[in-house]
N, C-alpha and C. Protein backbone atom coordinates (compact mmCIF):
# COMPACT_ATOMS: atom_id res chain seq x y z
N MET A 1 -17.82 16.24 -35.53
CA MET A 1 -18.63 15.25 -36.19
C MET A 1 -19.72 15.83 -37.00
N LYS A 2 -19.82 15.56 -38.24
CA LYS A 2 -20.84 16.14 -39.17
C LYS A 2 -22.24 15.66 -38.93
N ILE A 3 -23.18 16.44 -39.06
CA ILE A 3 -24.55 16.09 -38.88
C ILE A 3 -25.07 14.86 -39.41
N SER A 4 -24.59 14.49 -40.75
CA SER A 4 -24.92 13.27 -41.33
C SER A 4 -24.42 12.06 -40.40
N ASP A 5 -23.22 12.19 -39.84
CA ASP A 5 -22.66 11.24 -39.02
C ASP A 5 -23.50 11.13 -37.62
N LYS A 6 -23.97 12.12 -37.00
CA LYS A 6 -24.87 12.04 -35.96
C LYS A 6 -26.10 11.39 -36.25
N LEU A 7 -26.77 11.79 -37.39
CA LEU A 7 -27.90 11.10 -37.85
C LEU A 7 -27.65 9.69 -37.92
N LYS A 8 -26.56 9.25 -38.59
CA LYS A 8 -26.44 7.76 -38.72
C LYS A 8 -26.25 7.06 -37.39
N TRP A 9 -25.61 7.60 -36.43
CA TRP A 9 -25.46 6.91 -35.13
C TRP A 9 -26.80 6.95 -34.36
N VAL A 10 -27.64 7.98 -34.33
CA VAL A 10 -29.07 7.93 -33.86
C VAL A 10 -29.77 6.86 -34.57
N GLY A 11 -29.76 6.90 -35.88
CA GLY A 11 -30.52 5.96 -36.76
C GLY A 11 -30.03 4.52 -36.51
N THR A 12 -28.78 4.33 -36.31
CA THR A 12 -28.35 2.94 -36.01
C THR A 12 -28.87 2.42 -34.67
N LEU A 13 -28.73 3.37 -33.66
CA LEU A 13 -29.41 2.89 -32.34
C LEU A 13 -30.85 2.66 -32.36
N LEU A 14 -31.57 3.35 -33.21
CA LEU A 14 -33.06 3.15 -33.11
C LEU A 14 -33.23 1.93 -33.96
N VAL A 15 -32.47 1.57 -35.19
CA VAL A 15 -32.74 0.40 -35.89
C VAL A 15 -32.46 -0.77 -35.08
N LEU A 16 -31.30 -0.67 -34.41
CA LEU A 16 -30.95 -1.96 -33.57
C LEU A 16 -31.90 -2.20 -32.47
N THR A 17 -32.56 -1.04 -31.87
CA THR A 17 -33.42 -1.16 -30.77
C THR A 17 -34.77 -1.77 -31.39
N GLY A 18 -35.18 -1.34 -32.61
CA GLY A 18 -36.38 -1.81 -33.47
C GLY A 18 -36.06 -3.32 -33.64
N ILE A 19 -34.92 -3.84 -34.01
CA ILE A 19 -34.70 -5.21 -34.27
C ILE A 19 -34.67 -6.08 -32.87
N ALA A 20 -34.28 -5.39 -31.82
CA ALA A 20 -34.40 -6.17 -30.57
C ALA A 20 -35.77 -6.19 -30.12
N LEU A 21 -36.55 -5.28 -30.30
CA LEU A 21 -37.99 -5.30 -30.01
C LEU A 21 -38.80 -6.23 -30.79
N THR A 22 -38.34 -6.50 -32.00
CA THR A 22 -38.99 -7.47 -32.83
C THR A 22 -38.71 -8.79 -32.39
N ASN A 23 -37.45 -9.04 -31.94
CA ASN A 23 -37.00 -10.44 -31.38
C ASN A 23 -37.75 -10.66 -30.11
N VAL A 24 -38.09 -9.76 -29.38
CA VAL A 24 -38.95 -9.96 -28.13
C VAL A 24 -40.43 -9.78 -28.28
N ASN A 25 -40.75 -9.69 -29.60
CA ASN A 25 -42.21 -9.52 -29.87
C ASN A 25 -42.89 -8.34 -29.23
N TYR A 26 -42.32 -7.12 -29.18
CA TYR A 26 -42.99 -5.86 -28.76
C TYR A 26 -43.60 -5.14 -30.11
N TYR A 27 -44.74 -5.68 -30.39
CA TYR A 27 -45.41 -5.10 -31.55
C TYR A 27 -46.42 -4.20 -31.14
N PRO A 28 -46.60 -3.07 -31.53
CA PRO A 28 -46.21 -2.30 -32.76
C PRO A 28 -45.06 -1.47 -32.48
N LEU A 29 -44.56 -1.33 -31.22
CA LEU A 29 -43.36 -0.41 -30.84
C LEU A 29 -42.23 -0.60 -31.62
N ASN A 30 -41.90 -1.96 -31.97
CA ASN A 30 -40.78 -2.11 -32.85
C ASN A 30 -40.94 -1.60 -34.29
N ILE A 31 -42.10 -1.45 -34.78
CA ILE A 31 -42.19 -0.81 -36.11
C ILE A 31 -41.93 0.88 -36.05
N PHE A 32 -42.46 1.40 -34.97
CA PHE A 32 -42.25 2.71 -34.76
C PHE A 32 -40.80 3.10 -34.52
N ILE A 33 -40.10 2.45 -33.75
CA ILE A 33 -38.71 2.64 -33.28
C ILE A 33 -37.77 2.44 -34.67
N HIS A 34 -37.88 1.34 -35.33
CA HIS A 34 -37.13 0.94 -36.39
C HIS A 34 -37.43 1.87 -37.52
N GLY A 35 -38.70 2.18 -37.69
CA GLY A 35 -39.08 3.26 -38.72
C GLY A 35 -38.56 4.47 -38.51
N ALA A 36 -38.44 4.98 -37.32
CA ALA A 36 -37.70 6.25 -36.99
C ALA A 36 -36.26 6.08 -37.38
N GLY A 37 -35.58 4.99 -37.18
CA GLY A 37 -34.15 4.80 -37.45
C GLY A 37 -34.02 4.85 -39.06
N VAL A 38 -34.85 4.33 -39.73
CA VAL A 38 -34.93 4.31 -41.09
C VAL A 38 -34.98 5.71 -41.60
N ILE A 39 -35.87 6.58 -41.17
CA ILE A 39 -36.02 7.84 -41.48
C ILE A 39 -34.64 8.78 -41.24
N PHE A 40 -33.96 8.42 -40.11
CA PHE A 40 -32.67 9.19 -39.72
C PHE A 40 -31.65 8.73 -40.90
N TRP A 41 -31.52 7.36 -41.23
CA TRP A 41 -30.70 7.06 -42.15
C TRP A 41 -30.89 7.49 -43.52
N THR A 42 -32.23 7.66 -43.98
CA THR A 42 -32.52 8.24 -45.14
C THR A 42 -32.15 9.66 -45.28
N ILE A 43 -32.43 10.42 -44.18
CA ILE A 43 -31.97 11.89 -44.27
C ILE A 43 -30.42 11.94 -44.32
N SER A 44 -29.77 10.99 -43.61
CA SER A 44 -28.32 11.05 -43.61
C SER A 44 -27.83 10.82 -45.08
N GLY A 45 -28.37 9.84 -45.66
CA GLY A 45 -28.15 9.41 -46.98
C GLY A 45 -28.31 10.66 -47.99
N TYR A 46 -29.37 11.25 -47.85
CA TYR A 46 -29.70 12.43 -48.66
C TYR A 46 -28.69 13.51 -48.55
N LEU A 47 -28.22 13.90 -47.19
CA LEU A 47 -27.33 14.92 -46.97
C LEU A 47 -25.96 14.59 -47.43
N SER A 48 -25.60 13.34 -47.44
CA SER A 48 -24.18 12.99 -47.96
C SER A 48 -24.21 12.46 -49.42
N LYS A 49 -25.29 12.60 -50.03
CA LYS A 49 -25.63 12.21 -51.34
C LYS A 49 -25.12 10.71 -51.70
N ASP A 50 -25.51 9.91 -50.62
CA ASP A 50 -25.06 8.41 -50.86
C ASP A 50 -26.36 7.62 -51.37
N LYS A 51 -26.16 7.23 -52.74
CA LYS A 51 -27.37 6.70 -53.31
C LYS A 51 -27.70 5.28 -52.76
N ALA A 52 -26.61 4.48 -52.27
CA ALA A 52 -26.86 3.13 -51.78
C ALA A 52 -27.64 3.33 -50.45
N ILE A 53 -27.19 4.25 -49.63
CA ILE A 53 -28.16 4.41 -48.47
C ILE A 53 -29.45 4.82 -48.75
N LEU A 54 -29.55 5.83 -49.61
CA LEU A 54 -30.95 6.35 -50.05
C LEU A 54 -31.82 5.08 -50.63
N THR A 55 -31.26 4.33 -51.40
CA THR A 55 -31.89 3.11 -51.98
C THR A 55 -32.43 2.27 -50.92
N ASN A 56 -31.40 1.82 -50.08
CA ASN A 56 -31.84 0.93 -49.05
C ASN A 56 -32.84 1.42 -48.04
N PHE A 57 -32.44 2.50 -47.49
CA PHE A 57 -33.43 2.91 -46.45
C PHE A 57 -34.69 3.64 -46.93
N GLY A 58 -34.48 4.34 -48.15
CA GLY A 58 -35.69 5.06 -48.81
C GLY A 58 -36.70 4.03 -49.15
N PHE A 59 -36.45 2.95 -49.63
CA PHE A 59 -37.38 1.90 -50.01
C PHE A 59 -37.99 1.30 -48.66
N GLN A 60 -37.38 1.34 -47.62
CA GLN A 60 -37.92 0.66 -46.37
C GLN A 60 -39.08 1.64 -45.86
N ILE A 61 -39.02 3.01 -46.03
CA ILE A 61 -40.05 3.87 -45.60
C ILE A 61 -41.51 3.43 -45.83
N PRO A 62 -41.81 3.20 -47.20
CA PRO A 62 -43.13 2.77 -47.55
C PRO A 62 -43.57 1.32 -46.85
N ILE A 63 -42.57 0.45 -46.67
CA ILE A 63 -42.83 -0.78 -46.00
C ILE A 63 -43.32 -0.64 -44.50
N PHE A 64 -42.74 0.37 -43.75
CA PHE A 64 -42.92 0.74 -42.53
C PHE A 64 -44.26 1.45 -42.53
N ILE A 65 -44.51 2.26 -43.46
CA ILE A 65 -45.93 3.10 -43.45
C ILE A 65 -46.84 1.95 -43.66
N PHE A 66 -46.68 1.03 -44.55
CA PHE A 66 -47.70 -0.25 -44.62
C PHE A 66 -47.94 -0.86 -43.35
N GLY A 67 -46.82 -1.03 -42.63
CA GLY A 67 -47.07 -1.86 -41.30
C GLY A 67 -47.69 -1.06 -40.37
N ILE A 68 -47.51 0.33 -40.32
CA ILE A 68 -48.13 0.98 -39.32
C ILE A 68 -49.75 1.24 -39.80
N LEU A 69 -49.93 1.36 -41.05
CA LEU A 69 -51.37 1.52 -41.47
C LEU A 69 -52.03 0.15 -41.25
N ASN A 70 -51.34 -0.95 -41.38
CA ASN A 70 -51.98 -2.15 -41.22
C ASN A 70 -52.28 -2.44 -39.68
N TYR A 71 -51.57 -1.82 -38.76
CA TYR A 71 -51.94 -1.98 -37.38
C TYR A 71 -53.16 -1.27 -36.99
N PHE A 72 -53.25 0.12 -37.53
CA PHE A 72 -54.25 0.92 -37.19
C PHE A 72 -55.47 0.62 -37.98
N ILE A 73 -55.59 0.11 -39.11
CA ILE A 73 -56.78 -0.28 -39.89
C ILE A 73 -57.27 -1.62 -39.62
């Protein structure tokens, strides 16, 4: 299994865990877990040169940064 495939699976687990935490209202843990999954997916998209994945998950990174900053500020 290629490293990008492993990153996708770890990212998927983190994203789904983040979504589940959102549904049971575990804030801000949901943002950190889901955000970590987004980073894994973005790295995987970069390594596999998949522009659709990079676009989708790459644009989510600033959204999660905003959410994290909003929590701490």
